[in-house]
Amino acid sequence: MSPDDVRDVTFSLALISKNAYDEAEVDAFLDRIEATLRGEDTLTAADVRSVAFTHTGLGRRGYTKEEVDEFLDQVAKTLESR
């Protein structure tokens, strides 16, 4: 996985708020992952696995939880192999 893969990733918007993560929080964490892969930050696989995002409130949409979790699992595996 490259920094560009992180920058270019897109997630679907969830229809039900309990299955969605706050977009701004996820985007900020993706920025840190990209910086880590560029050698400009120091996130570890453990950091990626333990991150907790706010679920969106009732009536608000956000990124689909399952898609974000799957991507973060791939990121953690990449960081472990470095």
PDB file of N, CA and C in Angstrom:
ATOM      1  N   MET A   1       0.843  -1.180   0.000  1.00  0.00           N
ATOM      2  CA  MET A   1       0.000   0.000   0.000  1.00  0.00           C
ATOM      3  C   MET A   1       0.888   1.243   0.000  1.00  0.00           C
ATOM      4  N   SER A   2       0.496   2.195  -0.809  1.00  0.00           N
ATOM      5  CA  SER A   2       1.289   3.417  -0.928  1.00  0.00           C
ATOM      6  C   SER A   2       0.522   4.598  -0.325  1.00  0.00           C
ATOM      7  N   PRO A   3       1.230   5.706  -0.100  1.00  0.00           N
ATOM      8  CA  PRO A   3       0.539   6.909   0.358  1.00  0.00           C
ATOM      9  C   PRO A   3      -0.564   7.347  -0.606  1.00  0.00           C
ATOM     10  N   ASP A   4      -0.324   7.152  -1.903  1.00  0.00           N
ATOM     11  CA  ASP A   4      -1.331   7.526  -2.898  1.00  0.00           C
ATOM     12  C   ASP A   4      -2.593   6.673  -2.761  1.00  0.00           C
ATOM     13  N   ASP A   5      -2.435   5.387  -2.414  1.00  0.00           N
ATOM     14  CA  ASP A   5      -3.597   4.528  -2.203  1.00  0.00           C
ATOM     15  C   ASP A   5      -4.474   5.075  -1.081  1.00  0.00           C
ATOM     16  N   VAL A   6      -3.842   5.585  -0.045  1.00  0.00           N
ATOM     17  CA  VAL A   6      -4.589   6.147   1.082  1.00  0.00           C
ATOM     18  C   VAL A   6      -5.278   7.439   0.660  1.00  0.00           C
ATOM     19  N   ARG A   7      -4.554   8.291  -0.035  1.00  0.00           N
ATOM     20  CA  ARG A   7      -5.121   9.571  -0.470  1.00  0.00           C
ATOM     21  C   ARG A   7      -6.308   9.357  -1.410  1.00  0.00           C
ATOM     22  N   ASP A   8      -6.257   8.311  -2.234  1.00  0.00           N
ATOM     23  CA  ASP A   8      -7.272   8.100  -3.260  1.00  0.00           C
ATOM     24  C   ASP A   8      -8.442   7.221  -2.823  1.00  0.00           C
ATOM     25  N   VAL A   9      -8.392   6.669  -1.612  1.00  0.00           N
ATOM     26  CA  VAL A   9      -9.461   5.763  -1.183  1.00  0.00           C
ATOM     27  C   VAL A   9     -10.778   6.528  -1.035  1.00  0.00           C
ATOM     28  N   THR A  10     -11.861   5.868  -1.392  1.00  0.00           N
ATOM     29  CA  THR A  10     -13.195   6.436  -1.205  1.00  0.00           C
ATOM     30  C   THR A  10     -14.057   5.405  -0.485  1.00  0.00           C
ATOM     31  N   PHE A  11     -14.963   5.891   0.305  1.00  0.00           N
ATOM     32  CA  PHE A  11     -15.883   5.032   1.033  1.00  0.00           C
ATOM     33  C   PHE A  11     -17.308   5.433   0.689  1.00  0.00           C
ATOM     34  N   SER A  12     -18.185   4.449   0.698  1.00  0.00           N
ATOM     35  CA  SER A  12     -19.608   4.715   0.482  1.00  0.00           C
ATOM     36  C   SER A  12     -20.170   5.420   1.706  1.00  0.00           C
ATOM     37  N   LEU A  13     -21.242   6.149   1.483  1.00  0.00           N
ATOM     38  CA  LEU A  13     -21.950   6.776   2.597  1.00  0.00           C
ATOM     39  C   LEU A  13     -23.013   5.807   3.094  1.00  0.00           C
ATOM     40  N   ALA A  14     -23.039   5.589   4.399  1.00  0.00           N
ATOM     41  CA  ALA A  14     -24.004   4.672   5.001  1.00  0.00           C
ATOM     42  C   ALA A  14     -25.380   5.321   5.051  1.00  0.00           C
ATOM     43  N   LEU A  15     -26.389   4.495   4.957  1.00  0.00           N
ATOM     44  CA  LEU A  15     -27.756   4.992   5.021  1.00  0.00           C
ATOM     45  C   LEU A  15     -28.267   5.083   6.449  1.00  0.00           C
ATOM     46  N   ILE A  16     -27.692   4.283   7.330  1.00  0.00           N
ATOM     47  CA  ILE A  16     -28.127   4.265   8.727  1.00  0.00           C
ATOM     48  C   ILE A  16     -26.989   4.775   9.594  1.00  0.00           C
ATOM     49  N   SER A  17     -27.255   5.761  10.426  1.00  0.00           N
ATOM     50  CA  SER A  17     -26.199   6.432  11.174  1.00  0.00           C
ATOM     51  C   SER A  17     -25.419   5.503  12.095  1.00  0.00           C
ATOM     52  N   LYS A  18     -26.047   4.451  12.646  1.00  0.00           N
ATOM     53  CA  LYS A  18     -25.318   3.569  13.557  1.00  0.00           C
ATOM     54  C   LYS A  18     -24.258   2.737  12.836  1.00  0.00           C
ATOM     55  N   ASN A  19     -24.340   2.684  11.523  1.00  0.00           N
ATOM     56  CA  ASN A  19     -23.359   1.940  10.732  1.00  0.00           C
ATOM     57  C   ASN A  19     -22.392   2.872  10.016  1.00  0.00           C
ATOM     58  N   ALA A  20     -22.257   4.096  10.533  1.00  0.00           N
ATOM     59  CA  ALA A  20     -21.442   5.102   9.856  1.00  0.00           C
ATOM     60  C   ALA A  20     -20.488   5.775  10.828  1.00  0.00           C
ATOM     61  N   TYR A  21     -19.304   6.094  10.296  1.00  0.00           N
ATOM     62  CA  TYR A  21     -18.310   6.849  11.052  1.00  0.00           C
ATOM     63  C   TYR A  21     -18.307   8.297  10.575  1.00  0.00           C
ATOM     64  N   ASP A  22     -17.996   9.189  11.479  1.00  0.00           N
ATOM     65  CA  ASP A  22     -17.886  10.606  11.164  1.00  0.00           C
ATOM     66  C   ASP A  22     -16.828  10.816  10.076  1.00  0.00           C
ATOM     67  N   GLU A  23     -17.230  11.451   8.997  1.00  0.00           N
ATOM     68  CA  GLU A  23     -16.340  11.637   7.843  1.00  0.00           C
ATOM     69  C   GLU A  23     -15.094  12.448   8.185  1.00  0.00           C
ATOM     70  N   ALA A  24     -15.244  13.518   8.921  1.00  0.00           N
ATOM     71  CA  ALA A  24     -14.102  14.382   9.234  1.00  0.00           C
ATOM     72  C   ALA A  24     -13.063  13.640  10.072  1.00  0.00           C
ATOM     73  N   GLU A  25     -13.503  12.837  11.017  1.00  0.00           N
ATOM     74  CA  GLU A  25     -12.568  12.080  11.850  1.00  0.00           C
ATOM     75  C   GLU A  25     -11.807  11.046  11.025  1.00  0.00           C
ATOM     76  N   VAL A  26     -12.533  10.342  10.159  1.00  0.00           N
ATOM     77  CA  VAL A  26     -11.877   9.341   9.303  1.00  0.00           C
ATOM     78  C   VAL A  26     -10.888  10.022   8.372  1.00  0.00           C
ATOM     79  N   ASP A  27     -11.296  11.133   7.755  1.00  0.00           N
ATOM     80  CA  ASP A  27     -10.409  11.845   6.832  1.00  0.00           C
ATOM     81  C   ASP A  27      -9.134  12.321   7.533  1.00  0.00           C
ATOM     82  N   ALA A  28      -9.263  12.816   8.750  1.00  0.00           N
ATOM     83  CA  ALA A  28      -8.086  13.271   9.501  1.00  0.00           C
ATOM     84  C   ALA A  28      -7.154  12.107   9.804  1.00  0.00           C
ATOM     85  N   PHE A  29      -7.709  10.959  10.136  1.00  0.00           N
ATOM     86  CA  PHE A  29      -6.872   9.794  10.421  1.00  0.00           C
ATOM     87  C   PHE A  29      -6.203   9.291   9.137  1.00  0.00           C
ATOM     88  N   LEU A  30      -6.922   9.340   8.034  1.00  0.00           N
ATOM     89  CA  LEU A  30      -6.319   8.951   6.752  1.00  0.00           C
ATOM     90  C   LEU A  30      -5.145   9.855   6.410  1.00  0.00           C
ATOM     91  N   ASP A  31      -5.246  11.134   6.732  1.00  0.00           N
ATOM     92  CA  ASP A  31      -4.120  12.050   6.519  1.00  0.00           C
ATOM     93  C   ASP A  31      -2.899  11.594   7.312  1.00  0.00           C
ATOM     94  N   ARG A  32      -3.124  11.146   8.541  1.00  0.00           N
ATOM     95  CA  ARG A  32      -2.009  10.669   9.378  1.00  0.00           C
ATOM     96  C   ARG A  32      -1.425   9.373   8.817  1.00  0.00           C
ATOM     97  N   ILE A  33      -2.274   8.496   8.299  1.00  0.00           N
ATOM     98  CA  ILE A  33      -1.782   7.249   7.698  1.00  0.00           C
ATOM     99  C   ILE A  33      -0.927   7.573   6.482  1.00  0.00           C
ATOM    100  N   GLU A  34      -1.427   8.458   5.639  1.00  0.00           N
ATOM    101  CA  GLU A  34      -0.661   8.857   4.450  1.00  0.00           C
ATOM    102  C   GLU A  34       0.692   9.432   4.859  1.00  0.00           C
ATOM    103  N   ALA A  35       0.692  10.302   5.860  1.00  0.00           N
ATOM    104  CA  ALA A  35       1.947  10.893   6.338  1.00  0.00           C
ATOM    105  C   ALA A  35       2.882   9.825   6.894  1.00  0.00           C
ATOM    106  N   THR A  36       2.343   8.844   7.581  1.00  0.00           N
ATOM    107  CA  THR A  36       3.171   7.749   8.117  1.00  0.00           C
ATOM    108  C   THR A  36       3.828   6.977   6.985  1.00  0.00           C
ATOM    109  N   LEU A  37       3.071   6.677   5.962  1.00  0.00           N
ATOM    110  CA  LEU A  37       3.639   5.933   4.829  1.00  0.00           C
ATOM    111  C   LEU A  37       4.680   6.753   4.068  1.00  0.00           C
ATOM    112  N   ARG A  38       4.612   8.072   4.198  1.00  0.00           N
ATOM    113  CA  ARG A  38       5.625   8.946   3.592  1.00  0.00           C
ATOM    114  C   ARG A  38       6.807   9.184   4.535  1.00  0.00           C
ATOM    115  N   GLY A  39       6.734   8.632   5.743  1.00  0.00           N
ATOM    116  CA  GLY A  39       7.802   8.817   6.713  1.00  0.00           C
ATOM    117  C   GLY A  39       7.702  10.107   7.490  1.00  0.00           C
ATOM    118  N   GLU A  40       6.536  10.739   7.496  1.00  0.00           N
ATOM    119  CA  GLU A  40       6.348  12.037   8.139  1.00  0.00           C
ATOM    120  C   GLU A  40       5.519  11.961   9.420  1.00  0.00           C
ATOM    121  N   ASP A  41       5.082  10.774   9.814  1.00  0.00           N
ATOM    122  CA  ASP A  41       4.321  10.551  11.046  1.00  0.00           C
ATOM    123  C   ASP A  41       4.720   9.162  11.546  1.00  0.00           C
ATOM    124  N   THR A  42       4.246   8.796  12.704  1.00  0.00           N
ATOM    125  CA  THR A  42       4.728   7.558  13.323  1.00  0.00           C
ATOM    126  C   THR A  42       3.616   6.627  13.795  1.00  0.00           C
ATOM    127  N   LEU A  43       2.502   6.587  13.077  1.00  0.00           N
ATOM    128  CA  LEU A  43       1.450   5.655  13.461  1.00  0.00           C
ATOM    129  C   LEU A  43       1.961   4.222  13.372  1.00  0.00           C
ATOM    130  N   THR A  44       1.496   3.381  14.289  1.00  0.00           N
ATOM    131  CA  THR A  44       1.833   1.959  14.261  1.00  0.00           C
ATOM    132  C   THR A  44       0.587   1.155  13.894  1.00  0.00           C
ATOM    133  N   ALA A  45       0.793  -0.127  13.630  1.00  0.00           N
ATOM    134  CA  ALA A  45      -0.343  -1.009  13.358  1.00  0.00           C
ATOM    135  C   ALA A  45      -1.287  -1.027  14.553  1.00  0.00           C
ATOM    136  N   ALA A  46      -0.738  -1.002  15.756  1.00  0.00           N
ATOM    137  CA  ALA A  46      -1.565  -0.979  16.970  1.00  0.00           C
ATOM    138  C   ALA A  46      -2.407   0.292  17.034  1.00  0.00           C
ATOM    139  N   ASP A  47      -1.836   1.425  16.625  1.00  0.00           N
ATOM    140  CA  ASP A  47      -2.595   2.678  16.593  1.00  0.00           C
ATOM    141  C   ASP A  47      -3.787   2.559  15.642  1.00  0.00           C
ATOM    142  N   VAL A  48      -3.544   1.959  14.500  1.00  0.00           N
ATOM    143  CA  VAL A  48      -4.595   1.809  13.490  1.00  0.00           C
ATOM    144  C   VAL A  48      -5.690   0.875  14.007  1.00  0.00           C
ATOM    145  N   ARG A  49      -5.277  -0.200  14.641  1.00  0.00           N
ATOM    146  CA  ARG A  49      -6.261  -1.169  15.145  1.00  0.00           C
ATOM    147  C   ARG A  49      -7.066  -0.633  16.321  1.00  0.00           C
ATOM    148  N   SER A  50      -6.524   0.315  17.047  1.00  0.00           N
ATOM    149  CA  SER A  50      -7.225   0.784  18.238  1.00  0.00           C
ATOM    150  C   SER A  50      -7.985   2.099  18.043  1.00  0.00           C
ATOM    151  N   VAL A  51      -7.913   2.673  16.859  1.00  0.00           N
ATOM    152  CA  VAL A  51      -8.606   3.944  16.637  1.00  0.00           C
ATOM    153  C   VAL A  51     -10.116   3.747  16.805  1.00  0.00           C
ATOM    154  N   ALA A  52     -10.747   4.748  17.374  1.00  0.00           N
ATOM    155  CA  ALA A  52     -12.200   4.720  17.562  1.00  0.00           C
ATOM    156  C   ALA A  52     -12.786   6.011  17.002  1.00  0.00           C
ATOM    157  N   PHE A  53     -13.694   5.859  16.076  1.00  0.00           N
ATOM    158  CA  PHE A  53     -14.345   7.012  15.465  1.00  0.00           C
ATOM    159  C   PHE A  53     -15.736   7.185  16.057  1.00  0.00           C
ATOM    160  N   THR A  54     -16.195   8.419  16.062  1.00  0.00           N
ATOM    161  CA  THR A  54     -17.548   8.714  16.496  1.00  0.00           C
ATOM    162  C   THR A  54     -18.525   8.232  15.441  1.00  0.00           C
ATOM    163  N   HIS A  55     -19.601   7.612  15.909  1.00  0.00           N
ATOM    164  CA  HIS A  55     -20.675   7.256  14.981  1.00  0.00           C
ATOM    165  C   HIS A  55     -21.482   8.523  14.718  1.00  0.00           C
ATOM    166  N   THR A  56     -21.965   8.642  13.511  1.00  0.00           N
ATOM    167  CA  THR A  56     -22.725   9.836  13.161  1.00  0.00           C
ATOM    168  C   THR A  56     -24.040   9.854  13.927  1.00  0.00           C
ATOM    169  N   GLY A  57     -24.545  11.027  14.130  1.00  0.00           N
ATOM    170  CA  GLY A  57     -25.800  11.176  14.847  1.00  0.00           C
ATOM    171  C   GLY A  57     -27.003  10.846  13.981  1.00  0.00           C
ATOM    172  N   LEU A  58     -28.111  10.740  14.623  1.00  0.00           N
ATOM    173  CA  LEU A  58     -29.352  10.441  13.934  1.00  0.00           C
ATOM    174  C   LEU A  58     -29.606  11.471  12.838  1.00  0.00           C
ATOM    175  N   GLY A  59     -29.889  10.975  11.659  1.00  0.00           N
ATOM    176  CA  GLY A  59     -30.174  11.867  10.547  1.00  0.00           C
ATOM    177  C   GLY A  59     -28.950  12.344   9.787  1.00  0.00           C
ATOM    178  N   ARG A  60     -27.754  11.975  10.255  1.00  0.00           N
ATOM    179  CA  ARG A  60     -26.511  12.357   9.560  1.00  0.00           C
ATOM    180  C   ARG A  60     -25.909  11.123   8.914  1.00  0.00           C
ATOM    181  N   ARG A  61     -25.392  11.307   7.731  1.00  0.00           N
ATOM    182  CA  ARG A  61     -24.734  10.196   7.049  1.00  0.00           C
ATOM    183  C   ARG A  61     -23.237  10.289   7.287  1.00  0.00           C
ATOM    184  N   GLY A  62     -22.569   9.176   7.143  1.00  0.00           N
ATOM    185  CA  GLY A  62     -21.128   9.129   7.281  1.00  0.00           C
ATOM    186  C   GLY A  62     -20.597   7.954   6.483  1.00  0.00           C
ATOM    187  N   TYR A  63     -19.287   7.717   6.588  1.00  0.00           N
ATOM    188  CA  TYR A  63     -18.677   6.614   5.855  1.00  0.00           C
ATOM    189  C   TYR A  63     -19.144   5.273   6.397  1.00  0.00           C
ATOM    190  N   THR A  64     -19.361   4.329   5.507  1.00  0.00           N
ATOM    191  CA  THR A  64     -19.793   2.989   5.885  1.00  0.00           C
ATOM    192  C   THR A  64     -18.740   2.326   6.764  1.00  0.00           C
ATOM    193  N   LYS A  65     -19.154   1.958   7.960  1.00  0.00           N
ATOM    194  CA  LYS A  65     -18.269   1.405   8.979  1.00  0.00           C
ATOM    195  C   LYS A  65     -17.485   0.197   8.464  1.00  0.00           C
ATOM    196  N   GLU A  66     -18.149  -0.733   7.818  1.00  0.00           N
ATOM    197  CA  GLU A  66     -17.494  -1.956   7.361  1.00  0.00           C
ATOM    198  C   GLU A  66     -16.386  -1.671   6.348  1.00  0.00           C
ATOM    199  N   GLU A  67     -16.621  -0.727   5.444  1.00  0.00           N
ATOM    200  CA  GLU A  67     -15.611  -0.382   4.444  1.00  0.00           C
ATOM    201  C   GLU A  67     -14.392   0.250   5.097  1.00  0.00           C
ATOM    202  N   VAL A  68     -14.628   1.158   6.038  1.00  0.00           N
ATOM    203  CA  VAL A  68     -13.523   1.816   6.731  1.00  0.00           C
ATOM    204  C   VAL A  68     -12.732   0.782   7.531  1.00  0.00           C
ATOM    205  N   ASP A  69     -13.433  -0.081   8.272  1.00  0.00           N
ATOM    206  CA  ASP A  69     -12.754  -1.098   9.082  1.00  0.00           C
ATOM    207  C   ASP A  69     -11.911  -2.038   8.225  1.00  0.00           C
ATOM    208  N   GLU A  70     -12.442  -2.439   7.079  1.00  0.00           N
ATOM    209  CA  GLU A  70     -11.703  -3.323   6.173  1.00  0.00           C
ATOM    210  C   GLU A  70     -10.437  -2.634   5.658  1.00  0.00           C
ATOM    211  N   PHE A  71     -10.560  -1.381   5.270  1.00  0.00           N
ATOM    212  CA  PHE A  71      -9.402  -0.643   4.782  1.00  0.00           C
ATOM    213  C   PHE A  71      -8.356  -0.481   5.879  1.00  0.00           C
ATOM    214  N   LEU A  72      -8.792  -0.158   7.091  1.00  0.00           N
ATOM    215  CA  LEU A  72      -7.842   0.005   8.194  1.00  0.00           C
ATOM    216  C   LEU A  72      -7.144  -1.306   8.534  1.00  0.00           C
ATOM    217  N   ASP A  73      -7.811  -2.422   8.347  1.00  0.00           N
ATOM    218  CA  ASP A  73      -7.169  -3.718   8.548  1.00  0.00           C
ATOM    219  C   ASP A  73      -6.038  -3.902   7.537  1.00  0.00           C
ATOM    220  N   GLN A  74      -6.255  -3.511   6.307  1.00  0.00           N
ATOM    221  CA  GLN A  74      -5.213  -3.580   5.277  1.00  0.00           C
ATOM    222  C   GLN A  74      -4.044  -2.661   5.622  1.00  0.00           C
ATOM    223  N   VAL A  75      -4.359  -1.479   6.118  1.00  0.00           N
ATOM    224  CA  VAL A  75      -3.319  -0.529   6.530  1.00  0.00           C
ATOM    225  C   VAL A  75      -2.482  -1.116   7.654  1.00  0.00           C
ATOM    226  N   ALA A  76      -3.132  -1.698   8.659  1.00  0.00           N
ATOM    227  CA  ALA A  76      -2.413  -2.287   9.787  1.00  0.00           C
ATOM    228  C   ALA A  76      -1.481  -3.404   9.302  1.00  0.00           C
ATOM    229  N   LYS A  77      -1.937  -4.221   8.396  1.00  0.00           N
ATOM    230  CA  LYS A  77      -1.088  -5.288   7.859  1.00  0.00           C
ATOM    231  C   LYS A  77       0.112  -4.709   7.109  1.00  0.00           C
ATOM    232  N   THR A  78      -0.121  -3.637   6.380  1.00  0.00           N
ATOM    233  CA  THR A  78       0.981  -2.978   5.675  1.00  0.00           C
ATOM    234  C   THR A  78       2.019  -2.445   6.676  1.00  0.00           C
ATOM    235  N   LEU A  79       1.542  -1.801   7.724  1.00  0.00           N
ATOM    236  CA  LEU A  79       2.468  -1.241   8.715  1.00  0.00           C
ATOM    237  C   LEU A  79       3.223  -2.346   9.448  1.00  0.00           C
ATOM    238  N   GLU A  80       2.588  -3.469   9.674  1.00  0.00           N
ATOM    239  CA  GLU A  80       3.265  -4.593  10.337  1.00  0.00           C
ATOM    240  C   GLU A  80       4.377  -5.166   9.481  1.00  0.00           C
ATOM    241  N   SER A  81       4.193  -5.129   8.180  1.00  0.00           N
ATOM    242  CA  SER A  81       5.185  -5.719   7.269  1.00  0.00           C
ATOM    243  C   SER A  81       6.354  -4.788   6.964  1.00  0.00           C
ATOM    244  N   ARG A  82       6.302  -3.553   7.458  1.00  0.00           N
ATOM    245  CA  ARG A  82       7.377  -2.588   7.182  1.00  0.00           C
ATOM    246  C   ARG A  82       8.534  -2.798   8.116  1.00  0.00           C
TER     247      ARG A  82
END
